[in-house]
Amino acid sequence: MSGDPEERFRRISSRVLEPELSEREMEELAREWVEVKLEVLKRHGYPVPEDREELVAQHLERLKRLRRNLGIDK
């Protein structure tokens, strides 16, 4: 997905709060979140981690924990 990283992150953030997201939708959000994060790191000259799948897994767990903490999911 293209576009300004800030705008993309806003879209991700608002989608995270949607009720009844499927596991697949949450994984897609985590994957996009990682893409935005890596793009920003690269733009600012920081090293970009090689293992994207590990980052996606970490961000997926963060999304799930956030949704549980907010009472969206159990």
Protein backbone atom coordinates (compact mmCIF):
# COMPACT_ATOMS: atom_id res chain seq x y z
CA MET A 1 0.00 0.00 0.00
CA SER A 2 1.38 3.39 -0.89
CA GLY A 3 0.95 6.78 0.68
CA ASP A 4 2.29 8.92 3.46
CA PRO A 5 3.47 6.78 6.40
CA GLU A 6 1.64 9.00 8.89
CA GLU A 7 -1.64 8.64 7.01
CA ARG A 8 -1.14 4.90 6.66
CA PHE A 9 -0.49 4.59 10.39
CA ARG A 10 -3.66 6.60 11.13
CA ARG A 11 -5.66 4.15 9.01
CA ILE A 12 -4.06 1.19 10.78
CA SER A 13 -4.78 2.75 14.18
CA SER A 14 -8.44 3.32 13.41
CA ARG A 15 -8.89 -0.18 11.99
CA VAL A 16 -7.35 -1.73 15.10
CA LEU A 17 -10.35 -0.45 17.07
CA GLU A 18 -12.96 -2.01 14.77
CA PRO A 19 -15.03 -4.73 16.43
CA GLU A 20 -14.96 -8.32 15.21
CA LEU A 21 -11.71 -8.28 13.23
CA SER A 22 -10.76 -11.71 11.98
CA GLU A 23 -7.36 -13.24 12.68
CA ARG A 24 -6.50 -12.69 9.02
CA GLU A 25 -7.48 -9.00 9.17
CA MET A 26 -5.38 -8.50 12.30
CA GLU A 27 -2.43 -10.19 10.62
CA GLU A 28 -2.83 -7.90 7.59
CA LEU A 29 -2.86 -4.87 9.91
CA ALA A 30 0.27 -6.12 11.69
CA ARG A 31 1.99 -6.67 8.35
CA GLU A 32 1.12 -3.15 7.17
CA TRP A 33 2.23 -1.71 10.52
CA VAL A 34 5.62 -3.41 10.07
CA GLU A 35 5.90 -2.11 6.49
CA VAL A 36 5.25 1.46 7.66
CA LYS A 37 7.70 1.10 10.55
CA LEU A 38 10.46 -0.24 8.30
CA GLU A 39 9.83 2.48 5.71
CA VAL A 40 10.22 5.18 8.37
CA LEU A 41 13.37 3.56 9.79
CA LYS A 42 14.88 3.32 6.30
CA ARG A 43 14.02 6.94 5.45
CA HIS A 44 15.85 8.11 8.55
CA GLY A 45 18.93 6.00 7.93
CA TYR A 46 18.34 3.37 10.60
CA PRO A 47 19.10 -0.28 9.92
CA VAL A 48 16.12 -2.33 8.82
CA PRO A 49 15.76 -5.76 10.46
CA GLU A 50 16.00 -8.72 8.10
CA ASP A 51 13.38 -10.97 9.71
CA ARG A 52 10.09 -9.31 8.78
CA GLU A 53 8.00 -12.35 9.73
CA GLU A 54 9.26 -12.18 13.31
CA LEU A 55 8.35 -8.49 13.42
CA VAL A 56 4.89 -9.24 12.03
CA ALA A 57 4.39 -11.88 14.73
CA GLN A 58 5.48 -9.42 17.43
CA HIS A 59 3.19 -6.67 16.14
CA LEU A 60 0.28 -9.09 15.81
CA GLU A 61 0.68 -9.98 19.49
CA ARG A 62 0.79 -6.27 20.34
CA LEU A 63 -2.45 -5.70 18.41
CA LYS A 64 -4.15 -8.58 20.18
CA ARG A 65 -2.96 -7.41 23.60
CA LEU A 66 -4.13 -3.85 22.89
CA ARG A 67 -7.56 -5.07 21.79
CA ARG A 68 -7.88 -7.23 24.93
CA ASN A 69 -6.77 -4.38 27.19
CA LEU A 70 -9.35 -2.07 25.61
CA GLY A 71 -12.08 -4.67 26.02
CA ILE A 72 -12.63 -5.12 22.28
CA ASP A 73 -11.66 -8.79 22.37
CA LYS A 74 -11.52 -11.31 25.19
